[in-house]
Each structure stands twice: as structure tokens, then as C-alpha cells.
Amino acid sequence: MRVNQRRSDVEIIAEMLRIGENGAVKTKIMYNANMSYSQMKKYLRFLISQGYLDSVRAGNLSVTYQATDKGLNLLKSIDGFIEILGLNDD
């Protein structure tokens, strides 16, 4: 059951970490998480500054964002809270 149709910061962060589990470029994160470019930049800055995502240079041009161990632990915790609260969409 969704209390609010808009996603919370926590839901957005969890989605970005999920996408970053296997590494993703900015556009993949933006489209898969259904965000604007400015939203994605804001959350990306936060997640990198807190050590939840790492930027990895792949080749000469592209930068991939990868969830760190700290980020994966956060994602597990978020998923656990969502399950406990019965907020999952199942």
C-alpha cells in the first residue's frame, strides 16, 4: 500500500543503489530511476559524498557509477524497513 504517490528520498536512493549494483552510466541511472537530469545530479552527488556510490572510469570517456559495500548495506537496510512496514508493492 502506498501512502503517498510521490517517491520519498529514501525510495529514490534505494532505486539508484539498485541500479548501481552492477554499475551504470548517468543516463541509465536517470532513465531507469525515472528522474530528471537535475534530480539525478543532486542524488548522485549525495551518494558519492557519503560513500554509497563510487565513480569508476571505464575506458577513456565513460564514467560508471557502482554501489559500494556501504551502499549495498544501506540498500539491504532500506529493503528491510520497507518489508517490515509492509510498504512493498507486492
N, C-alpha and C. Protein backbone atom coordinates (compact mmCIF):
# COMPACT_ATOMS: atom_id res chain seq x y z
N MET A 1 0.84 -1.19 0.00
CA MET A 1 0.00 0.00 0.00
C MET A 1 0.88 1.24 0.00
N ARG A 2 0.62 2.13 -0.91
CA ARG A 2 1.37 3.38 -0.98
C ARG A 2 0.59 4.47 -0.24
N VAL A 3 1.24 5.09 0.70
CA VAL A 3 0.61 6.17 1.45
C VAL A 3 0.62 7.44 0.59
N ASN A 4 1.68 7.61 -0.15
CA ASN A 4 1.89 8.82 -0.94
C ASN A 4 2.34 8.39 -2.33
N GLN A 5 1.78 8.98 -3.38
CA GLN A 5 2.14 8.59 -4.74
C GLN A 5 3.55 9.04 -5.11
N ARG A 6 4.03 10.13 -4.53
CA ARG A 6 5.37 10.59 -4.82
C ARG A 6 6.38 9.74 -4.07
N ARG A 7 7.52 9.55 -4.69
CA ARG A 7 8.57 8.75 -4.04
C ARG A 7 9.31 9.60 -3.01
N SER A 8 9.69 8.96 -1.94
CA SER A 8 10.48 9.65 -0.92
C SER A 8 11.95 9.65 -1.34
N ASP A 9 12.75 10.47 -0.66
CA ASP A 9 14.19 10.47 -0.90
C ASP A 9 14.76 9.08 -0.71
N VAL A 10 14.30 8.38 0.31
CA VAL A 10 14.81 7.05 0.62
C VAL A 10 14.51 6.08 -0.53
N GLU A 11 13.30 6.16 -1.09
CA GLU A 11 12.95 5.28 -2.21
C GLU A 11 13.81 5.59 -3.44
N ILE A 12 14.07 6.85 -3.69
CA ILE A 12 14.90 7.25 -4.82
C ILE A 12 16.33 6.76 -4.62
N ILE A 13 16.85 6.94 -3.42
CA ILE A 13 18.20 6.48 -3.10
C ILE A 13 18.30 4.96 -3.28
N ALA A 14 17.31 4.24 -2.77
CA ALA A 14 17.31 2.78 -2.90
C ALA A 14 17.30 2.38 -4.37
N GLU A 15 16.50 3.04 -5.17
CA GLU A 15 16.42 2.73 -6.60
C GLU A 15 17.76 2.99 -7.29
N MET A 16 18.39 4.09 -6.96
CA MET A 16 19.69 4.41 -7.56
C MET A 16 20.76 3.39 -7.15
N LEU A 17 20.73 2.97 -5.90
CA LEU A 17 21.69 1.96 -5.44
C LEU A 17 21.44 0.62 -6.13
N ARG A 18 20.17 0.29 -6.32
CA ARG A 18 19.81 -0.95 -7.02
C ARG A 18 20.36 -0.93 -8.45
N ILE A 19 20.18 0.20 -9.12
CA ILE A 19 20.67 0.34 -10.50
C ILE A 19 22.20 0.28 -10.52
N GLY A 20 22.83 0.82 -9.49
CA GLY A 20 24.29 0.85 -9.42
C GLY A 20 24.93 -0.43 -8.92
N GLU A 21 24.13 -1.43 -8.58
CA GLU A 21 24.71 -2.69 -8.10
C GLU A 21 25.69 -3.29 -9.11
N ASN A 22 25.35 -3.23 -10.38
CA ASN A 22 26.21 -3.79 -11.42
C ASN A 22 26.93 -2.71 -12.21
N GLY A 23 26.86 -1.48 -11.74
CA GLY A 23 27.49 -0.38 -12.43
C GLY A 23 26.57 0.19 -13.50
N ALA A 24 26.51 1.49 -13.60
CA ALA A 24 25.64 2.14 -14.58
C ALA A 24 26.15 3.53 -14.89
N VAL A 25 25.93 3.96 -16.13
CA VAL A 25 26.28 5.33 -16.52
C VAL A 25 25.14 6.25 -16.10
N LYS A 26 25.40 7.55 -16.13
CA LYS A 26 24.41 8.54 -15.68
C LYS A 26 23.06 8.39 -16.38
N THR A 27 23.09 8.22 -17.70
CA THR A 27 21.82 8.15 -18.43
C THR A 27 21.01 6.94 -18.03
N LYS A 28 21.67 5.81 -17.78
CA LYS A 28 20.94 4.61 -17.34
C LYS A 28 20.30 4.86 -15.98
N ILE A 29 21.04 5.47 -15.08
CA ILE A 29 20.50 5.78 -13.75
C ILE A 29 19.30 6.70 -13.88
N MET A 30 19.46 7.75 -14.69
CA MET A 30 18.41 8.75 -14.85
C MET A 30 17.13 8.13 -15.41
N TYR A 31 17.26 7.35 -16.49
CA TYR A 31 16.07 6.78 -17.13
C TYR A 31 15.47 5.65 -16.31
N ASN A 32 16.30 4.76 -15.78
CA ASN A 32 15.77 3.63 -15.01
C ASN A 32 15.14 4.07 -13.70
N ALA A 33 15.64 5.15 -13.12
CA ALA A 33 15.06 5.65 -11.86
C ALA A 33 13.97 6.69 -12.13
N ASN A 34 13.73 6.97 -13.41
CA ASN A 34 12.67 7.91 -13.80
C ASN A 34 12.84 9.28 -13.13
N MET A 35 14.01 9.89 -13.39
CA MET A 35 14.35 11.17 -12.77
C MET A 35 14.74 12.19 -13.83
N SER A 36 14.66 13.45 -13.46
CA SER A 36 15.20 14.50 -14.32
C SER A 36 16.72 14.52 -14.14
N TYR A 37 17.39 15.19 -15.07
CA TYR A 37 18.84 15.28 -15.00
C TYR A 37 19.28 16.00 -13.73
N SER A 38 18.60 17.08 -13.38
CA SER A 38 19.00 17.83 -12.18
C SER A 38 18.77 17.02 -10.91
N GLN A 39 17.68 16.26 -10.85
CA GLN A 39 17.44 15.38 -9.69
C GLN A 39 18.56 14.35 -9.58
N MET A 40 18.87 13.72 -10.70
CA MET A 40 19.88 12.67 -10.72
C MET A 40 21.22 13.21 -10.25
N LYS A 41 21.60 14.41 -10.71
CA LYS A 41 22.87 15.01 -10.30
C LYS A 41 22.91 15.24 -8.80
N LYS A 42 21.80 15.76 -8.25
CA LYS A 42 21.73 16.05 -6.81
C LYS A 42 21.91 14.76 -5.99
N TYR A 43 21.17 13.73 -6.33
CA TYR A 43 21.27 12.47 -5.59
C TYR A 43 22.62 11.79 -5.81
N LEU A 44 23.14 11.87 -7.03
CA LEU A 44 24.45 11.27 -7.32
C LEU A 44 25.54 11.91 -6.47
N ARG A 45 25.51 13.25 -6.39
CA ARG A 45 26.49 13.98 -5.55
C ARG A 45 26.40 13.51 -4.11
N PHE A 46 25.17 13.41 -3.60
CA PHE A 46 24.98 12.97 -2.21
C PHE A 46 25.51 11.55 -2.01
N LEU A 47 25.13 10.63 -2.88
CA LEU A 47 25.52 9.22 -2.72
C LEU A 47 27.03 9.04 -2.81
N ILE A 48 27.68 9.79 -3.68
CA ILE A 48 29.14 9.71 -3.79
C ILE A 48 29.80 10.33 -2.57
N SER A 49 29.30 11.50 -2.12
CA SER A 49 29.91 12.18 -0.98
C SER A 49 29.80 11.36 0.31
N GLN A 50 28.76 10.54 0.40
CA GLN A 50 28.56 9.71 1.60
C GLN A 50 29.22 8.33 1.48
N GLY A 51 29.80 8.05 0.32
CA GLY A 51 30.50 6.77 0.12
C GLY A 51 29.58 5.62 -0.25
N TYR A 52 28.38 5.91 -0.73
CA TYR A 52 27.45 4.85 -1.12
C TYR A 52 27.61 4.45 -2.58
N LEU A 53 28.13 5.35 -3.40
CA LEU A 53 28.43 5.07 -4.81
C LEU A 53 29.85 5.52 -5.09
N ASP A 54 30.51 4.82 -5.98
CA ASP A 54 31.83 5.20 -6.47
C ASP A 54 31.74 5.48 -7.95
N SER A 55 32.50 6.45 -8.43
CA SER A 55 32.58 6.66 -9.87
C SER A 55 33.82 5.93 -10.37
N VAL A 56 33.63 5.15 -11.42
CA VAL A 56 34.70 4.33 -11.98
C VAL A 56 34.85 4.71 -13.44
N ARG A 57 36.07 5.09 -13.83
CA ARG A 57 36.31 5.45 -15.22
C ARG A 57 36.45 4.17 -16.03
N ALA A 58 35.58 4.04 -17.02
CA ALA A 58 35.60 2.87 -17.90
C ALA A 58 36.06 3.33 -19.27
N GLY A 59 37.28 2.99 -19.64
CA GLY A 59 37.80 3.46 -20.91
C GLY A 59 38.18 4.92 -20.81
N ASN A 60 38.23 5.59 -21.95
CA ASN A 60 38.66 6.99 -21.97
C ASN A 60 37.56 7.97 -21.60
N LEU A 61 36.32 7.66 -21.98
CA LEU A 61 35.27 8.66 -21.88
C LEU A 61 34.23 8.40 -20.80
N SER A 62 33.71 7.19 -20.75
CA SER A 62 32.54 6.96 -19.90
C SER A 62 32.92 6.72 -18.44
N VAL A 63 32.06 7.22 -17.58
CA VAL A 63 32.21 7.01 -16.14
C VAL A 63 31.02 6.17 -15.70
N THR A 64 31.32 5.10 -14.99
CA THR A 64 30.29 4.21 -14.47
C THR A 64 30.18 4.43 -12.97
N TYR A 65 28.96 4.37 -12.47
CA TYR A 65 28.72 4.54 -11.03
C TYR A 65 28.36 3.19 -10.46
N GLN A 66 29.08 2.80 -9.42
CA GLN A 66 28.98 1.47 -8.83
C GLN A 66 28.65 1.60 -7.35
N ALA A 67 27.68 0.83 -6.90
CA ALA A 67 27.36 0.82 -5.47
C ALA A 67 28.54 0.23 -4.70
N THR A 68 28.91 0.87 -3.61
CA THR A 68 29.98 0.36 -2.75
C THR A 68 29.40 -0.65 -1.76
N ASP A 69 30.26 -1.30 -1.00
CA ASP A 69 29.77 -2.21 0.06
C ASP A 69 28.88 -1.45 1.04
N LYS A 70 29.29 -0.23 1.36
CA LYS A 70 28.49 0.62 2.26
C LYS A 70 27.12 0.90 1.64
N GLY A 71 27.10 1.17 0.34
CA GLY A 71 25.84 1.41 -0.37
C GLY A 71 24.96 0.18 -0.41
N LEU A 72 25.56 -0.99 -0.63
CA LEU A 72 24.78 -2.23 -0.67
C LEU A 72 24.21 -2.56 0.71
N ASN A 73 24.96 -2.24 1.76
CA ASN A 73 24.45 -2.43 3.13
C ASN A 73 23.27 -1.50 3.40
N LEU A 74 23.38 -0.26 2.93
CA LEU A 74 22.28 0.68 3.08
C LEU A 74 21.04 0.18 2.33
N LEU A 75 21.23 -0.31 1.12
CA LEU A 75 20.12 -0.83 0.33
C LEU A 75 19.43 -1.99 1.05
N LYS A 76 20.23 -2.88 1.63
CA LYS A 76 19.66 -4.01 2.40
C LYS A 76 18.82 -3.50 3.56
N SER A 77 19.34 -2.49 4.25
CA SER A 77 18.61 -1.92 5.39
C SER A 77 17.31 -1.27 4.94
N ILE A 78 17.36 -0.50 3.86
CA ILE A 78 16.14 0.14 3.34
C ILE A 78 15.12 -0.90 2.96
N ASP A 79 15.56 -1.93 2.23
CA ASP A 79 14.63 -3.00 1.82
C ASP A 79 14.02 -3.69 3.03
N GLY A 80 14.83 -3.87 4.09
CA GLY A 80 14.34 -4.47 5.32
C GLY A 80 13.26 -3.63 5.98
N PHE A 81 13.48 -2.32 6.05
CA PHE A 81 12.48 -1.42 6.64
C PHE A 81 11.19 -1.42 5.82
N ILE A 82 11.33 -1.39 4.51
CA ILE A 82 10.16 -1.39 3.63
C ILE A 82 9.34 -2.66 3.86
N GLU A 83 10.05 -3.79 4.00
CA GLU A 83 9.36 -5.06 4.24
C GLU A 83 8.67 -5.06 5.61
N ILE A 84 9.39 -4.60 6.63
CA ILE A 84 8.82 -4.56 7.98
C ILE A 84 7.57 -3.69 8.04
N LEU A 85 7.62 -2.56 7.35
CA LEU A 85 6.49 -1.64 7.34
C LEU A 85 5.38 -2.06 6.39
N GLY A 86 5.64 -3.09 5.60
CA GLY A 86 4.62 -3.57 4.66
C GLY A 86 4.36 -2.60 3.52
N LEU A 87 5.40 -1.86 3.12
CA LEU A 87 5.25 -0.86 2.07
C LEU A 87 5.63 -1.38 0.68
N ASN A 88 6.08 -2.65 0.62
CA ASN A 88 6.45 -3.15 -0.70
C ASN A 88 5.21 -3.31 -1.57
N ASP A 89 5.41 -3.18 -2.86
CA ASP A 89 4.30 -3.14 -3.82
C ASP A 89 3.72 -4.51 -4.11
N ASP A 90 4.14 -5.52 -3.41
CA ASP A 90 3.66 -6.89 -3.68
C ASP A 90 2.19 -7.03 -3.41
